[in-house]
Amino acid sequence: MDAWVIGFAVAGIALSALSIVLRIIDYYRWRDLAELLLSVALFAIMWYAFIYMMVLTGYIVYIPNLYNKGIPLYYLIAPCTYFYAWLKLQRRRKLARYWYLHLLPFVFGLIDIMPYALSSAVEKQALMAQLTSNMRMGFEHEYGFIDQQWHYVIRLVLSFAYLLAQWRLLFLADTEEGGVPKQLLYSLYALTVIYSLFIALQVSMILNILFNQIQASYILKDAHQLIWISGFYLLFSIWVCFALRFRRSGNIF
């Protein structure tokens, strides 16, 4: 089953990378800011999957400098996905006023990774060695200004808030007659449903960890949970990659 988890993750990463490249090209061609925002969200999710896979396989020991660099990026997933839907539904090319306030969690995460980034190579190597044998170290280490568990809690709360706001956008757009093309609406519904399921699986896993810290290392490596998460990640990657093909011809986006 571990091979399936890794296989799904690798396939998801490859498709996400392809989708990011195509959407960046599309951004420069059509000046569509929504595509760029979705690319940021995809890259953050892809980075999370990559680092998790490196920890599971133990290869993170050889690249310790990459560890925890994704913390700021993970805070961008929810707002970027929300504003992607918002820009598509509003048919705008610019973000809302005071959009930069949504970057505050990103800045907070950027500051919190500095202690680890400034630590010595020996300290990083030692922490990675501990992490591969006991994944609880991922939220128990002291290389940060706050308890690392708070990152999970804050991201969880923010994800719920943005996801609810995104569903609200879709429901309001659905009630407007002739306002939004049905193909676009169905496409955004599909994206939001898959994203919601992906978040729900992560929430279940994180809550298990927070309320059962004794078995946290086992939970983080539990193939029965990881195969569902990696499977949904692959499904999500397939959707965002191949939906792009119909972008102009089918007017989905």
C-alpha atoms as a PDB file:
ATOM      1  CA  MET A   1       0.000   0.000   0.000  1.00  0.00           C
ATOM      2  CA  ASP A   2       2.961   2.332   0.647  1.00  0.00           C
ATOM      3  CA  ALA A   3       3.882   1.966  -3.018  1.00  0.00           C
ATOM      4  CA  TRP A   4       0.395   3.146  -4.009  1.00  0.00           C
ATOM      5  CA  VAL A   5       0.687   6.187  -1.720  1.00  0.00           C
ATOM      6  CA  ILE A   6       4.019   7.155  -3.259  1.00  0.00           C
ATOM      7  CA  GLY A   7       2.732   6.392  -6.760  1.00  0.00           C
ATOM      8  CA  PHE A   8      -0.361   8.570  -6.354  1.00  0.00           C
ATOM      9  CA  ALA A   9       1.747  11.371  -4.873  1.00  0.00           C
ATOM     10  CA  VAL A  10       4.338  11.259  -7.671  1.00  0.00           C
ATOM     11  CA  ALA A  11       1.614  11.216 -10.345  1.00  0.00           C
ATOM     12  CA  GLY A  12      -0.183  14.105  -8.626  1.00  0.00           C
ATOM     13  CA  ILE A  13       3.033  16.126  -8.403  1.00  0.00           C
ATOM     14  CA  ALA A  14       3.822  15.526 -12.078  1.00  0.00           C
ATOM     15  CA  LEU A  15       0.335  16.557 -13.226  1.00  0.00           C
ATOM     16  CA  SER A  16       0.340  19.582 -10.928  1.00  0.00           C
ATOM     17  CA  ALA A  17       3.706  20.683 -12.327  1.00  0.00           C
ATOM     18  CA  LEU A  18       2.387  20.345 -15.882  1.00  0.00           C
ATOM     19  CA  SER A  19      -0.759  22.277 -14.978  1.00  0.00           C
ATOM     20  CA  ILE A  20       1.274  25.060 -13.371  1.00  0.00           C
ATOM     21  CA  VAL A  21       3.450  25.456 -16.468  1.00  0.00           C
ATOM     22  CA  LEU A  22       0.426  25.560 -18.781  1.00  0.00           C
ATOM     23  CA  ARG A  23      -1.447  28.029 -16.599  1.00  0.00           C
ATOM     24  CA  ILE A  24       1.552  30.354 -16.307  1.00  0.00           C
ATOM     25  CA  ILE A  25       1.841  30.320 -20.105  1.00  0.00           C
ATOM     26  CA  ASP A  26      -1.853  31.038 -20.268  1.00  0.00           C
ATOM     27  CA  TYR A  27      -1.448  33.918 -17.803  1.00  0.00           C
ATOM     28  CA  TYR A  28       1.141  35.626 -19.997  1.00  0.00           C
ATOM     29  CA  ARG A  29      -0.925  34.987 -23.100  1.00  0.00           C
ATOM     30  CA  TRP A  30      -4.314  36.163 -21.811  1.00  0.00           C
ATOM     31  CA  ARG A  31      -3.301  38.222 -18.741  1.00  0.00           C
ATOM     32  CA  ASP A  32      -5.662  36.121 -16.665  1.00  0.00           C
ATOM     33  CA  LEU A  33      -4.720  36.729 -13.014  1.00  0.00           C
ATOM     34  CA  ALA A  34      -7.014  33.924 -11.835  1.00  0.00           C
ATOM     35  CA  GLU A  35      -4.797  31.362 -13.581  1.00  0.00           C
ATOM     36  CA  LEU A  36      -1.731  32.715 -11.801  1.00  0.00           C
ATOM     37  CA  LEU A  37      -3.452  32.482  -8.408  1.00  0.00           C
ATOM     38  CA  LEU A  38      -4.488  28.895  -9.035  1.00  0.00           C
ATOM     39  CA  SER A  39      -0.893  28.136 -10.019  1.00  0.00           C
ATOM     40  CA  VAL A  40       0.310  29.469  -6.658  1.00  0.00           C
ATOM     41  CA  ALA A  41      -2.190  27.254  -4.817  1.00  0.00           C
ATOM     42  CA  LEU A  42      -1.191  24.238  -6.917  1.00  0.00           C
ATOM     43  CA  PHE A  43       2.497  24.843  -6.259  1.00  0.00           C
ATOM     44  CA  ALA A  44       1.902  25.087  -2.491  1.00  0.00           C
ATOM     45  CA  ILE A  45      -0.057  21.804  -2.465  1.00  0.00           C
ATOM     46  CA  MET A  46       2.552  20.180  -4.693  1.00  0.00           C
ATOM     47  CA  TRP A  47       5.344  21.321  -2.385  1.00  0.00           C
ATOM     48  CA  TYR A  48       3.484  19.909   0.621  1.00  0.00           C
ATOM     49  CA  ALA A  49       3.098  16.549  -1.124  1.00  0.00           C
ATOM     50  CA  PHE A  50       6.763  16.551  -2.165  1.00  0.00           C
ATOM     51  CA  ILE A  51       8.112  17.324   1.334  1.00  0.00           C
ATOM     52  CA  TYR A  52       5.756  14.801   2.943  1.00  0.00           C
ATOM     53  CA  MET A  53       6.944  12.161   0.493  1.00  0.00           C
ATOM     54  CA  MET A  54      10.589  13.028   1.236  1.00  0.00           C
ATOM     55  CA  VAL A  55       9.932  12.622   4.973  1.00  0.00           C
ATOM     56  CA  LEU A  56       8.107   9.294   4.500  1.00  0.00           C
ATOM     57  CA  THR A  57      10.898   7.861   2.367  1.00  0.00           C
ATOM     58  CA  GLY A  58      13.670   9.319   4.555  1.00  0.00           C
ATOM     59  CA  TYR A  59      15.263  11.299   1.721  1.00  0.00           C
ATOM     60  CA  ILE A  60      14.651  14.563   3.581  1.00  0.00           C
ATOM     61  CA  VAL A  61      17.833  13.756   5.539  1.00  0.00           C
ATOM     62  CA  TYR A  62      19.825  14.526   2.373  1.00  0.00           C
ATOM     63  CA  ILE A  63      18.015  17.816   1.663  1.00  0.00           C
ATOM     64  CA  PRO A  64      17.399  19.309   5.145  1.00  0.00           C
ATOM     65  CA  ASN A  65      17.417  22.882   3.840  1.00  0.00           C
ATOM     66  CA  LEU A  66      14.105  22.281   2.061  1.00  0.00           C
ATOM     67  CA  TYR A  67      12.271  21.353   5.242  1.00  0.00           C
ATOM     68  CA  ASN A  68       9.661  23.807   6.643  1.00  0.00           C
ATOM     69  CA  LYS A  69      10.141  26.256   3.751  1.00  0.00           C
ATOM     70  CA  GLY A  70       6.579  25.527   2.672  1.00  0.00           C
ATOM     71  CA  ILE A  71       4.948  26.883   5.847  1.00  0.00           C
ATOM     72  CA  PRO A  72       4.363  30.378   4.365  1.00  0.00           C
ATOM     73  CA  LEU A  73       3.160  28.857   1.079  1.00  0.00           C
ATOM     74  CA  TYR A  74       0.551  26.677   2.771  1.00  0.00           C
ATOM     75  CA  TYR A  75      -1.165  29.809   4.067  1.00  0.00           C
ATOM     76  CA  LEU A  76      -1.714  30.916   0.448  1.00  0.00           C
ATOM     77  CA  ILE A  77      -3.663  27.849  -0.684  1.00  0.00           C
ATOM     78  CA  ALA A  78      -7.059  28.878   0.729  1.00  0.00           C
ATOM     79  CA  PRO A  79      -7.029  32.586  -0.305  1.00  0.00           C
ATOM     80  CA  CYS A  80      -5.639  31.827  -3.777  1.00  0.00           C
ATOM     81  CA  THR A  81      -8.323  29.205  -4.425  1.00  0.00           C
ATOM     82  CA  TYR A  82     -11.020  31.581  -3.177  1.00  0.00           C
ATOM     83  CA  PHE A  83      -9.844  34.528  -5.282  1.00  0.00           C
ATOM     84  CA  TYR A  84      -9.519  32.236  -8.299  1.00  0.00           C
ATOM     85  CA  ALA A  85     -13.242  31.507  -8.059  1.00  0.00           C
ATOM     86  CA  TRP A  86     -14.009  35.161  -7.265  1.00  0.00           C
ATOM     87  CA  LEU A  87     -12.136  36.497 -10.305  1.00  0.00           C
ATOM     88  CA  LYS A  88     -13.750  33.938 -12.607  1.00  0.00           C
ATOM     89  CA  LEU A  89     -17.260  34.670 -11.377  1.00  0.00           C
ATOM     90  CA  GLN A  90     -16.811  38.447 -11.314  1.00  0.00           C
ATOM     91  CA  ARG A  91     -14.996  38.393 -14.659  1.00  0.00           C
ATOM     92  CA  ARG A  92     -12.376  40.785 -13.347  1.00  0.00           C
ATOM     93  CA  ARG A  93      -8.663  41.021 -13.965  1.00  0.00           C
ATOM     94  CA  LYS A  94      -7.755  42.755 -10.701  1.00  0.00           C
ATOM     95  CA  LEU A  95      -8.058  41.674  -7.087  1.00  0.00           C
ATOM     96  CA  ALA A  96     -10.353  43.323  -4.574  1.00  0.00           C
ATOM     97  CA  ARG A  97      -9.251  46.359  -2.603  1.00  0.00           C
ATOM     98  CA  TYR A  98      -6.967  45.615   0.358  1.00  0.00           C
ATOM     99  CA  TRP A  99      -6.203  42.165  -1.073  1.00  0.00           C
ATOM    100  CA  TYR A 100      -2.750  42.359   0.509  1.00  0.00           C
ATOM    101  CA  LEU A 101      -4.318  41.839   3.951  1.00  0.00           C
ATOM    102  CA  HIS A 102      -4.788  38.208   2.951  1.00  0.00           C
ATOM    103  CA  LEU A 103      -0.988  37.909   2.827  1.00  0.00           C
ATOM    104  CA  LEU A 104      -0.584  38.521   6.571  1.00  0.00           C
ATOM    105  CA  PRO A 105      -0.608  34.783   7.461  1.00  0.00           C
ATOM    106  CA  PHE A 106       2.014  34.251   4.726  1.00  0.00           C
ATOM    107  CA  VAL A 107       4.253  36.900   6.323  1.00  0.00           C
ATOM    108  CA  PHE A 108       3.652  35.329   9.734  1.00  0.00           C
ATOM    109  CA  GLY A 109       4.730  31.939   8.364  1.00  0.00           C
ATOM    110  CA  LEU A 110       7.761  33.492   6.671  1.00  0.00           C
ATOM    111  CA  ILE A 111       8.962  34.930   9.971  1.00  0.00           C
ATOM    112  CA  ASP A 112       8.418  31.674  11.844  1.00  0.00           C
ATOM    113  CA  ILE A 113      10.656  29.619   9.548  1.00  0.00           C
ATOM    114  CA  MET A 114      13.669  31.855  10.178  1.00  0.00           C
ATOM    115  CA  PRO A 115      15.015  30.066  13.313  1.00  0.00           C
ATOM    116  CA  TYR A 116      15.303  26.783  11.397  1.00  0.00           C
ATOM    117  CA  ALA A 117      16.659  28.495   8.274  1.00  0.00           C
ATOM    118  CA  LEU A 118      19.397  30.171  10.351  1.00  0.00           C
ATOM    119  CA  SER A 119      20.335  27.047  12.308  1.00  0.00           C
ATOM    120  CA  SER A 120      23.536  25.158  11.522  1.00  0.00           C
ATOM    121  CA  ALA A 121      23.756  22.299   9.043  1.00  0.00           C
ATOM    122  CA  VAL A 122      24.494  19.890  11.876  1.00  0.00           C
ATOM    123  CA  GLU A 123      21.332  20.912  13.758  1.00  0.00           C
ATOM    124  CA  LYS A 124      19.219  20.549  10.618  1.00  0.00           C
ATOM    125  CA  GLN A 125      20.673  17.128   9.885  1.00  0.00           C
ATOM    126  CA  ALA A 126      20.017  15.975  13.451  1.00  0.00           C
ATOM    127  CA  LEU A 127      16.394  17.190  13.365  1.00  0.00           C
ATOM    128  CA  MET A 128      15.748  15.466  10.033  1.00  0.00           C
ATOM    129  CA  ALA A 129      17.180  12.221  11.388  1.00  0.00           C
ATOM    130  CA  GLN A 130      14.777  12.470  14.331  1.00  0.00           C
ATOM    131  CA  LEU A 131      11.879  13.410  12.065  1.00  0.00           C
ATOM    132  CA  THR A 132      12.225  10.382   9.804  1.00  0.00           C
ATOM    133  CA  SER A 133      12.099   8.035  12.797  1.00  0.00           C
ATOM    134  CA  ASN A 134       9.471   9.988  14.742  1.00  0.00           C
ATOM    135  CA  MET A 135       7.217  12.257  12.688  1.00  0.00           C
ATOM    136  CA  ARG A 136       5.889  13.899  15.834  1.00  0.00           C
ATOM    137  CA  MET A 137       9.023  16.038  15.673  1.00  0.00           C
ATOM    138  CA  GLY A 138       7.360  17.889  12.827  1.00  0.00           C
ATOM    139  CA  PHE A 139       5.243  19.794  15.323  1.00  0.00           C
ATOM    140  CA  GLU A 140       7.248  19.256  18.507  1.00  0.00           C
ATOM    141  CA  HIS A 141      10.556  20.849  17.490  1.00  0.00           C
ATOM    142  CA  GLU A 142      11.457  24.284  18.833  1.00  0.00           C
ATOM    143  CA  TYR A 143      12.734  25.872  15.633  1.00  0.00           C
ATOM    144  CA  GLY A 144      10.077  28.566  15.511  1.00  0.00           C
ATOM    145  CA  PHE A 145       8.658  31.481  17.439  1.00  0.00           C
ATOM    146  CA  ILE A 146       5.411  29.664  18.242  1.00  0.00           C
ATOM    147  CA  ASP A 147       4.389  26.105  19.015  1.00  0.00           C
ATOM    148  CA  GLN A 148       4.342  24.385  15.595  1.00  0.00           C
ATOM    149  CA  GLN A 149       0.923  22.887  16.300  1.00  0.00           C
ATOM    150  CA  TRP A 150      -0.563  26.347  15.949  1.00  0.00           C
ATOM    151  CA  HIS A 151       0.267  26.368  12.258  1.00  0.00           C
ATOM    152  CA  TYR A 152      -2.024  23.367  11.780  1.00  0.00           C
ATOM    153  CA  VAL A 153      -4.802  24.987  13.816  1.00  0.00           C
ATOM    154  CA  ILE A 154      -4.552  28.388  12.106  1.00  0.00           C
ATOM    155  CA  ARG A 155      -4.472  26.858   8.625  1.00  0.00           C
ATOM    156  CA  LEU A 156      -7.446  24.699   9.539  1.00  0.00           C
ATOM    157  CA  VAL A 157      -9.518  27.694  10.640  1.00  0.00           C
ATOM    158  CA  LEU A 158      -8.502  29.766   7.614  1.00  0.00           C
ATOM    159  CA  SER A 159      -9.253  26.911   5.218  1.00  0.00           C
ATOM    160  CA  PHE A 160     -12.757  26.559   6.619  1.00  0.00           C
ATOM    161  CA  ALA A 161     -13.392  30.303   6.451  1.00  0.00           C
ATOM    162  CA  TYR A 162     -12.251  30.656   2.839  1.00  0.00           C
ATOM    163  CA  LEU A 163     -13.994  27.460   1.779  1.00  0.00           C
ATOM    164  CA  LEU A 164     -17.318  28.652   3.217  1.00  0.00           C
ATOM    165  CA  ALA A 165     -16.844  31.980   1.464  1.00  0.00           C
ATOM    166  CA  GLN A 166     -16.118  30.154  -1.790  1.00  0.00           C
ATOM    167  CA  TRP A 167     -19.283  28.059  -1.514  1.00  0.00           C
ATOM    168  CA  ARG A 168     -21.218  31.251  -0.809  1.00  0.00           C
ATOM    169  CA  LEU A 169     -19.837  32.782  -4.011  1.00  0.00           C
ATOM    170  CA  LEU A 170     -21.009  29.790  -6.012  1.00  0.00           C
ATOM    171  CA  PHE A 171     -24.476  29.689  -4.462  1.00  0.00           C
ATOM    172  CA  LEU A 172     -24.998  33.418  -5.074  1.00  0.00           C
ATOM    173  CA  ALA A 173     -23.810  33.082  -8.668  1.00  0.00           C
ATOM    174  CA  ASP A 174     -26.111  30.092  -9.164  1.00  0.00           C
ATOM    175  CA  THR A 175     -29.163  32.114  -8.166  1.00  0.00           C
ATOM    176  CA  GLU A 176     -28.452  34.844 -10.715  1.00  0.00           C
ATOM    177  CA  GLU A 177     -30.226  34.161 -13.972  1.00  0.00           C
ATOM    178  CA  GLY A 178     -28.064  34.692 -17.037  1.00  0.00           C
ATOM    179  CA  GLY A 179     -25.234  36.130 -14.973  1.00  0.00           C
ATOM    180  CA  VAL A 180     -22.673  33.349 -15.154  1.00  0.00           C
ATOM    181  CA  PRO A 181     -22.243  30.748 -17.936  1.00  0.00           C
ATOM    182  CA  LYS A 182     -23.383  27.335 -16.736  1.00  0.00           C
ATOM    183  CA  GLN A 183     -20.216  25.627 -17.961  1.00  0.00           C
ATOM    184  CA  LEU A 184     -18.090  27.966 -15.867  1.00  0.00           C
ATOM    185  CA  LEU A 185     -20.307  27.444 -12.826  1.00  0.00           C
ATOM    186  CA  TYR A 186     -20.255  23.648 -13.124  1.00  0.00           C
ATOM    187  CA  SER A 187     -16.497  23.715 -13.535  1.00  0.00           C
ATOM    188  CA  LEU A 188     -16.040  25.802 -10.377  1.00  0.00           C
ATOM    189  CA  TYR A 189     -18.464  23.546  -8.507  1.00  0.00           C
ATOM    190  CA  ALA A 190     -16.373  20.522  -9.488  1.00  0.00           C
ATOM    191  CA  LEU A 191     -13.182  22.236  -8.347  1.00  0.00           C
ATOM    192  CA  THR A 192     -14.719  23.268  -5.031  1.00  0.00           C
ATOM    193  CA  VAL A 193     -16.184  19.817  -4.323  1.00  0.00           C
ATOM    194  CA  ILE A 194     -12.849  18.079  -4.936  1.00  0.00           C
ATOM    195  CA  TYR A 195     -11.006  20.720  -2.913  1.00  0.00           C
ATOM    196  CA  SER A 196     -13.548  20.372  -0.079  1.00  0.00           C
ATOM    197  CA  LEU A 197     -13.065  16.597   0.054  1.00  0.00           C
ATOM    198  CA  PHE A 198      -9.307  17.054   0.066  1.00  0.00           C
ATOM    199  CA  ILE A 199      -9.565  19.528   2.961  1.00  0.00           C
ATOM    200  CA  ALA A 200     -11.957  17.219   4.856  1.00  0.00           C
ATOM    201  CA  LEU A 201      -9.478  14.337   4.687  1.00  0.00           C
ATOM    202  CA  GLN A 202      -6.665  16.578   5.905  1.00  0.00           C
ATOM    203  CA  VAL A 203      -8.850  17.930   8.715  1.00  0.00           C
ATOM    204  CA  SER A 204      -9.635  14.409   9.891  1.00  0.00           C
ATOM    205  CA  MET A 205      -5.962  13.533   9.963  1.00  0.00           C
ATOM    206  CA  ILE A 206      -4.887  16.746  11.730  1.00  0.00           C
ATOM    207  CA  LEU A 207      -7.576  16.435  14.405  1.00  0.00           C
ATOM    208  CA  ASN A 208      -6.476  12.848  15.053  1.00  0.00           C
ATOM    209  CA  ILE A 209      -2.953  14.111  15.564  1.00  0.00           C
ATOM    210  CA  LEU A 210      -3.884  17.024  17.826  1.00  0.00           C
ATOM    211  CA  PHE A 211      -6.093  14.919  20.094  1.00  0.00           C
ATOM    212  CA  ASN A 212      -4.011  11.754  20.013  1.00  0.00           C
ATOM    213  CA  GLN A 213      -0.425  12.953  20.145  1.00  0.00           C
ATOM    214  CA  ILE A 214       0.904   9.725  21.632  1.00  0.00           C
ATOM    215  CA  GLN A 215       0.143   7.924  18.363  1.00  0.00           C
ATOM    216  CA  ALA A 216       0.803  10.950  16.154  1.00  0.00           C
ATOM    217  CA  SER A 217       3.833   9.397  14.470  1.00  0.00           C
ATOM    218  CA  TYR A 218       1.811   6.278  13.573  1.00  0.00           C
ATOM    219  CA  ILE A 219      -1.096   8.384  12.271  1.00  0.00           C
ATOM    220  CA  LEU A 220       1.190  10.464  10.055  1.00  0.00           C
ATOM    221  CA  LYS A 221       2.532   7.264   8.479  1.00  0.00           C
ATOM    222  CA  ASP A 222      -0.745   5.334   8.374  1.00  0.00           C
ATOM    223  CA  ALA A 223      -1.013   4.075   4.793  1.00  0.00           C
ATOM    224  CA  HIS A 224      -4.790   3.578   5.098  1.00  0.00           C
ATOM    225  CA  GLN A 225      -5.267   7.321   5.622  1.00  0.00           C
ATOM    226  CA  LEU A 226      -2.486   8.451   3.306  1.00  0.00           C
ATOM    227  CA  ILE A 227      -3.787   6.469   0.347  1.00  0.00           C
ATOM    228  CA  TRP A 228      -7.094   8.370   0.511  1.00  0.00           C
ATOM    229  CA  ILE A 229      -5.342  11.728   0.761  1.00  0.00           C
ATOM    230  CA  SER A 230      -2.877  10.922  -2.022  1.00  0.00           C
ATOM    231  CA  GLY A 231      -5.725   9.550  -4.130  1.00  0.00           C
ATOM    232  CA  PHE A 232      -7.757  12.729  -3.804  1.00  0.00           C
ATOM    233  CA  TYR A 233      -4.632  14.748  -4.513  1.00  0.00           C
ATOM    234  CA  LEU A 234      -4.205  12.807  -7.741  1.00  0.00           C
ATOM    235  CA  LEU A 235      -7.878  13.354  -8.633  1.00  0.00           C
ATOM    236  CA  PHE A 236      -7.518  17.071  -7.922  1.00  0.00           C
ATOM    237  CA  SER A 237      -4.346  17.235 -10.065  1.00  0.00           C
ATOM    238  CA  ILE A 238      -6.042  15.435 -12.952  1.00  0.00           C
ATOM    239  CA  TRP A 239      -8.926  17.879 -12.888  1.00  0.00           C
ATOM    240  CA  VAL A 240      -6.864  21.059 -12.829  1.00  0.00           C
ATOM    241  CA  CYS A 241      -4.514  19.711 -15.493  1.00  0.00           C
ATOM    242  CA  PHE A 242      -6.938  18.407 -18.085  1.00  0.00           C
ATOM    243  CA  ALA A 243      -9.676  20.996 -17.561  1.00  0.00           C
ATOM    244  CA  LEU A 244      -7.213  23.472 -19.044  1.00  0.00           C
ATOM    245  CA  ARG A 245      -7.472  21.769 -22.424  1.00  0.00           C
ATOM    246  CA  PHE A 246     -11.079  22.883 -22.747  1.00  0.00           C
ATOM    247  CA  ARG A 247     -10.398  26.395 -21.533  1.00  0.00           C
ATOM    248  CA  ARG A 248     -10.767  28.283 -24.782  1.00  0.00           C
ATOM    249  CA  SER A 249     -12.576  25.793 -26.988  1.00  0.00           C
ATOM    250  CA  GLY A 250     -15.297  24.987 -24.475  1.00  0.00           C
ATOM    251  CA  ASN A 251     -15.309  28.353 -22.692  1.00  0.00           C
ATOM    252  CA  ILE A 252     -15.254  26.607 -19.338  1.00  0.00           C
ATOM    253  CA  PHE A 253     -12.962  29.251 -17.845  1.00  0.00           C
END
